[in-house]
Protein backbone atom coordinates (compact mmCIF):
# COMPACT_ATOMS: atom_id res chain seq x y z
CA MET A 1 5.61 -10.54 1.82
CA VAL A 2 4.21 -12.38 -1.17
CA GLN A 3 3.76 -15.59 0.82
CA SER A 4 1.87 -13.71 3.55
CA VAL A 5 -0.66 -11.92 1.36
CA TYR A 6 -4.02 -13.34 0.31
CA GLN A 7 -4.45 -13.79 -3.44
CA ASP A 8 -7.53 -11.52 -3.55
CA ASP A 9 -5.65 -8.79 -1.69
CA LEU A 10 -2.69 -9.09 -4.06
CA GLU A 11 -5.04 -8.76 -7.02
CA TYR A 12 -6.61 -5.66 -5.40
CA PHE A 13 -3.10 -4.25 -4.89
CA LEU A 14 -2.09 -4.86 -8.50
CA ASN A 15 -5.37 -3.73 -10.07
CA THR A 16 -5.82 -0.54 -8.03
CA GLN A 17 -3.68 2.50 -8.71
CA GLU A 18 -2.04 4.01 -5.65
CA ALA A 19 -4.16 7.18 -5.86
CA ASP A 20 -7.36 5.08 -5.85
CA LEU A 21 -6.56 2.94 -2.80
CA GLY A 22 -9.23 3.03 -0.12
CA GLU A 23 -8.46 4.29 3.35
CA MET A 24 -10.07 1.37 5.14
CA GLY A 25 -11.25 -2.15 4.49
CA ASP A 26 -10.07 -5.72 4.83
CA GLU A 27 -7.86 -5.52 1.76
CA VAL A 28 -6.14 -2.38 3.01
CA ASP A 29 -5.69 -3.83 6.51
CA HIS A 30 -4.16 -7.02 5.12
CA LEU A 31 -1.89 -5.12 2.75
CA LEU A 32 -0.75 -2.85 5.59
CA SER A 33 0.01 -5.83 7.83
CA THR A 34 2.03 -7.60 5.13
CA GLY A 35 4.05 -4.50 4.23
CA PHE A 36 2.70 -3.82 0.76
CA LEU A 37 1.15 -0.57 1.98
CA ALA A 38 2.19 1.95 4.59
CA ARG A 39 0.54 4.92 6.26
CA GLY A 40 2.97 7.76 6.41
CA GLY A 41 2.79 11.00 8.25
CA ARG A 42 3.39 14.56 7.33
CA THR A 43 4.72 17.47 9.30
CA MET A 44 2.95 20.80 9.06
CA GLY A 45 5.45 22.70 11.15
CA ARG A 46 8.44 22.03 13.33
CA ASP A 47 6.44 20.52 16.19
CA ASP A 48 3.17 19.54 14.49
CA PHE A 49 2.69 16.02 13.20
CA PHE A 50 -0.53 14.99 11.51
CA PRO A 51 -0.96 11.34 10.63
CA LYS A 52 -1.69 10.65 7.01
CA ARG A 53 -4.76 8.44 6.69
CA LYS A 54 -4.49 7.46 3.05
CA PRO A 55 -2.25 4.44 2.57
CA ASN A 56 0.52 4.47 -0.01
CA HIS A 57 2.70 1.79 -1.50
CA SER A 58 5.57 1.03 0.83
CA TYR A 59 9.10 0.97 -0.52
CA TYR A 60 8.94 -2.81 -1.03
CA GLY A 61 5.34 -2.59 -2.19
CA LYS A 62 6.45 -0.29 -5.02
CA LEU A 63 9.16 -2.76 -6.02
CA VAL A 64 6.74 -5.69 -6.08
CA TYR A 65 4.11 -3.62 -7.90
CA ASP A 66 6.57 -2.56 -10.59
CA ILE A 67 7.92 -6.08 -11.08
CA LEU A 68 4.53 -7.79 -11.23
CA LYS A 69 2.94 -5.12 -13.44
CA VAL A 70 5.79 -5.44 -15.94
CA GLU A 71 5.42 -9.23 -15.92
CA LYS A 72 1.72 -8.92 -16.86
CA ILE A 73 2.44 -6.96 -20.05
């Protein structure tokens, strides 16, 4: 993942809190394609599925974020 991401996108990822991530843009697209971010979905009822537009840190994105943020301190 780290080898595949652009440096500017990695800096955006590390310097932007998850709640403040944009929904669209080159950085978000690149981070989605490398696995740092994921777009989940949510279920409103048993048969209803509404895609979630706002990206979140993926499982591995959270691990990388936590490791690299700790290293910066």
